[in-house]
Amino acid sequence: MQKGGIFFYAAIDYTCRNHMAYDFSSLKKDTQETEDWFVGELSSIRTGRASAVVLDGIRVDSYGAKVPVSHIAGVTTEDAKTLRITPWDKGLVKEIEHAVAKADLGVSVVADSEGLRVIFPELTGERRETFIKIARAKAEETRKRLRRVRDEVWGDIQEKERTGVITEDEKFRFKDDMQKMVDAANTRIGELVEKKEKEIMS
């Protein structure tokens, strides 16, 4: 009985040592980068309220370099419809004004003695619908990126099974694990675009 018990535990140990684990680190990295890209794209779509995040994607020419507005100026919310940009170097007012205007955010920019005021006009119903369509299009583009990432990983898993690195059972188990990660990312994308739509309509 004892001998049989020793054999039994040895068999379990052998199985554990040979239990293949797939490295999903590249999938996790690519998925996170794709989600981060989507968040950045959504932030550039303005809502009816003044928000500094719409400036995140803008780069300003500053002494030969392209830098974010936040690196060369203070940005504060003056009121529900107005942002105040206060450049630390007043010589950059024109460059910031040009960069914001070029970004075509649907806002107006007014320079004064303190810096610039970015004014968010009231969104029309038509404008809101346009922004929602843009947000949904960005969401679909993000999902396409996720599908490409998934397809690359699935191809690698299949190749490992063909070359005998993993078993057929492991192939399908890894496929399920992969799909769960992608499904979770798609759920987060859906939640983000839904939240953005509500902000646009509010």
Protein backbone atom coordinates (compact mmCIF):
# COMPACT_ATOMS: atom_id res chain seq x y z
CA MET A 1 0.00 0.00 0.00
CA GLN A 2 2.81 2.32 0.91
CA LYS A 3 4.65 1.44 -2.27
CA GLY A 4 1.48 2.08 -4.24
CA GLY A 5 1.07 5.40 -2.46
CA ILE A 6 4.61 6.45 -3.36
CA PHE A 7 3.96 5.57 -6.99
CA PHE A 8 0.70 7.51 -6.96
CA TYR A 9 2.31 10.73 -5.69
CA ALA A 10 5.24 10.31 -8.06
CA ALA A 11 2.79 10.10 -10.95
CA ILE A 12 1.10 13.33 -9.86
CA ASP A 13 4.46 15.07 -9.58
CA TYR A 14 5.38 13.92 -13.09
CA THR A 15 2.10 15.26 -14.50
CA CYS A 16 2.58 18.64 -12.79
CA ARG A 17 6.10 18.98 -14.08
CA ASN A 18 4.90 18.30 -17.64
CA HIS A 19 1.83 20.52 -17.45
CA MET A 20 2.49 23.15 -20.09
CA ALA A 21 1.71 26.80 -19.33
CA TYR A 22 1.37 29.23 -22.24
CA ASP A 23 3.04 32.63 -21.94
CA PHE A 24 0.30 35.20 -22.42
CA SER A 25 2.51 38.17 -21.51
CA SER A 26 2.59 39.52 -25.08
CA LEU A 27 -1.21 39.25 -25.31
CA LYS A 28 -1.62 41.13 -22.03
CA LYS A 29 0.83 43.82 -23.15
CA ASP A 30 -0.77 44.30 -26.58
CA THR A 31 -4.26 44.31 -25.06
CA GLN A 32 -3.29 46.96 -22.51
CA GLU A 33 -1.65 49.12 -25.17
CA THR A 34 -4.77 48.84 -27.34
CA GLU A 35 -7.02 49.85 -24.46
CA ASP A 36 -4.73 52.77 -23.60
CA TRP A 37 -4.89 53.92 -27.23
CA PHE A 38 -8.68 53.81 -27.11
CA VAL A 39 -8.82 55.83 -23.89
CA GLY A 40 -6.62 58.45 -25.54
CA GLU A 41 -8.85 58.57 -28.60
CA LEU A 42 -11.98 58.98 -26.47
CA SER A 43 -10.39 61.80 -24.49
CA SER A 44 -10.01 63.82 -27.69
CA ILE A 45 -13.78 63.70 -28.27
CA ARG A 46 -15.17 66.57 -26.28
CA THR A 47 -18.38 66.60 -24.30
CA GLY A 48 -20.59 69.56 -23.44
CA ARG A 49 -18.45 70.49 -20.44
CA ALA A 50 -14.97 71.96 -20.26
CA SER A 51 -12.43 69.20 -19.65
CA ALA A 52 -8.65 69.37 -19.74
CA VAL A 53 -8.40 65.81 -21.12
CA VAL A 54 -9.33 67.07 -24.61
CA LEU A 55 -5.93 68.74 -24.69
CA ASP A 56 -4.03 65.52 -23.94
CA GLY A 57 -3.46 64.64 -27.58
CA ILE A 58 -2.28 68.12 -28.61
CA ARG A 59 1.42 68.74 -29.17
CA VAL A 60 2.87 72.24 -29.25
CA ASP A 61 6.04 73.43 -30.99
CA SER A 62 8.33 74.54 -28.17
CA TYR A 63 11.89 75.43 -29.09
CA GLY A 64 12.22 72.72 -31.70
CA ALA A 65 10.33 69.99 -29.84
CA LYS A 66 6.72 68.80 -29.88
CA VAL A 67 5.46 68.74 -26.29
CA PRO A 68 2.09 68.30 -24.52
CA VAL A 69 0.31 71.45 -23.38
CA SER A 70 0.62 70.33 -19.75
CA HIS A 71 4.44 70.38 -20.07
CA ILE A 72 4.57 74.10 -20.87
CA ALA A 73 1.48 75.56 -19.19
CA GLY A 74 -0.91 75.28 -16.30
CA VAL A 75 -4.41 74.14 -17.27
CA THR A 76 -7.37 74.87 -14.99
CA THR A 77 -11.15 74.84 -15.31
CA GLU A 78 -12.41 78.41 -15.16
CA ASP A 79 -16.09 77.45 -15.31
CA ALA A 80 -18.32 74.73 -16.80
CA LYS A 81 -17.61 75.94 -20.34
CA THR A 82 -14.11 77.39 -20.10
CA LEU A 83 -10.55 76.19 -19.63
CA ARG A 84 -7.73 78.54 -18.69
CA ILE A 85 -4.28 77.82 -20.18
CA THR A 86 -1.48 79.78 -18.49
CA PRO A 87 1.86 79.28 -20.31
CA TRP A 88 4.94 79.48 -18.11
CA ASP A 89 6.62 81.22 -21.05
CA LYS A 90 4.31 83.88 -22.47
CA GLY A 91 6.22 83.64 -25.74
CA LEU A 92 4.46 80.33 -26.40
CA VAL A 93 0.92 81.73 -26.39
CA LYS A 94 0.72 81.89 -30.19
CA GLU A 95 2.11 78.37 -30.59
CA ILE A 96 -0.44 76.95 -28.13
CA GLU A 97 -3.27 78.89 -29.77
CA HIS A 98 -2.25 77.52 -33.18
CA ALA A 99 -1.98 73.94 -31.92
CA VAL A 100 -5.41 73.98 -30.23
CA ALA A 101 -7.06 75.54 -33.30
CA LYS A 102 -5.38 73.00 -35.60
CA ALA A 103 -6.69 70.10 -33.47
CA ASP A 104 -10.24 70.98 -34.61
CA LEU A 105 -11.89 70.17 -31.28
CA GLY A 106 -14.94 72.32 -31.94
CA VAL A 107 -13.83 74.88 -29.36
CA SER A 108 -12.85 78.53 -29.64
CA VAL A 109 -9.55 79.91 -28.36
CA VAL A 110 -9.09 83.47 -27.12
CA ALA A 111 -5.71 84.90 -26.12
CA ASP A 112 -5.50 87.52 -23.36
CA SER A 113 -2.87 89.02 -21.06
CA GLU A 114 -2.79 85.90 -18.84
CA GLY A 115 -2.60 83.29 -21.59
CA LEU A 116 -5.54 81.62 -23.33
CA ARG A 117 -9.15 80.76 -22.66
CA VAL A 118 -10.56 77.67 -24.38
CA ILE A 119 -14.34 78.05 -24.68
CA PHE A 120 -16.60 75.04 -25.14
CA PRO A 121 -19.76 76.04 -27.02
CA GLU A 122 -23.03 74.29 -26.25
CA LEU A 123 -23.31 71.10 -28.27
CA THR A 124 -26.15 70.91 -30.75
CA GLY A 125 -28.11 67.67 -31.08
CA GLU A 126 -26.49 67.06 -34.46
CA ARG A 127 -23.02 67.64 -33.05
CA ARG A 128 -23.68 65.23 -30.18
CA GLU A 129 -24.76 62.52 -32.63
CA THR A 130 -21.63 63.10 -34.68
CA PHE A 131 -19.40 62.71 -31.62
CA ILE A 132 -21.21 59.52 -30.62
CA LYS A 133 -20.65 58.09 -34.11
CA ILE A 134 -16.95 58.94 -33.83
CA ALA A 135 -16.73 57.25 -30.41
CA ARG A 136 -18.43 54.10 -31.73
CA ALA A 137 -16.15 54.04 -34.77
CA LYS A 138 -13.11 54.26 -32.49
CA ALA A 139 -14.54 51.41 -30.40
CA GLU A 140 -14.94 49.24 -33.51
CA GLU A 141 -11.39 50.05 -34.60
CA THR A 142 -10.19 49.02 -31.13
CA ARG A 143 -12.07 45.72 -31.37
CA LYS A 144 -10.46 45.06 -34.75
CA ARG A 145 -7.05 45.64 -33.19
CA LEU A 146 -7.91 43.19 -30.44
CA ARG A 147 -9.00 40.61 -33.00
CA ARG A 148 -5.66 40.93 -34.80
CA VAL A 149 -3.82 40.45 -31.51
CA ARG A 150 -6.00 37.42 -30.70
CA ASP A 151 -5.43 35.89 -34.16
CA GLU A 152 -1.66 36.21 -33.79
CA VAL A 153 -1.71 34.42 -30.43
CA TRP A 154 -4.09 31.73 -31.71
CA GLY A 155 -1.75 31.12 -34.67
CA ASP A 156 1.16 30.70 -32.28
CA ILE A 157 -0.82 28.28 -30.10
CA GLN A 158 -1.78 26.19 -33.15
CA GLU A 159 1.82 26.14 -34.34
CA LYS A 160 2.99 24.85 -30.96
CA GLU A 161 0.44 22.04 -31.15
CA ARG A 162 1.51 21.14 -34.73
CA THR A 163 5.16 20.92 -33.69
CA GLY A 164 4.40 18.83 -30.61
CA VAL A 165 5.30 21.45 -28.04
CA ILE A 166 1.79 21.23 -26.55
CA THR A 167 -0.99 18.67 -26.75
CA GLU A 168 -4.33 19.11 -28.51
CA ASP A 169 -6.08 19.36 -25.12
CA GLU A 170 -3.68 22.11 -24.07
CA LYS A 171 -4.27 23.91 -27.36
CA PHE A 172 -7.98 24.20 -26.70
CA ARG A 173 -7.45 25.06 -23.04
CA PHE A 174 -5.11 27.89 -24.03
CA LYS A 175 -7.62 29.01 -26.64
CA ASP A 176 -10.27 29.30 -23.93
CA ASP A 177 -7.87 31.23 -21.67
CA MET A 178 -6.99 33.56 -24.55
CA GLN A 179 -10.63 34.19 -25.44
CA LYS A 180 -11.49 35.03 -21.83
CA MET A 181 -8.81 37.73 -21.82
CA VAL A 182 -10.02 39.17 -25.13
CA ASP A 183 -13.66 39.04 -24.03
CA ALA A 184 -12.78 40.90 -20.84
CA ALA A 185 -11.01 43.60 -22.86
CA ASN A 186 -14.00 43.91 -25.20
CA THR A 187 -16.29 44.30 -22.19
CA ARG A 188 -14.12 47.14 -20.89
CA ILE A 189 -14.19 48.78 -24.34
CA GLY A 190 -17.99 48.59 -24.35
CA GLU A 191 -18.20 50.14 -20.88
CA LEU A 192 -15.85 52.98 -21.86
CA VAL A 193 -17.76 53.91 -25.02
CA GLU A 194 -21.08 53.70 -23.16
CA LYS A 195 -19.75 56.06 -20.48
CA LYS A 196 -18.47 58.46 -23.18
CA GLU A 197 -21.86 58.49 -24.91
CA LYS A 198 -23.56 59.44 -21.66
CA GLU A 199 -21.07 62.26 -21.14
CA ILE A 200 -21.69 63.56 -24.65
CA MET A 201 -25.44 63.51 -24.19
CA SER A 202 -25.42 65.08 -20.72
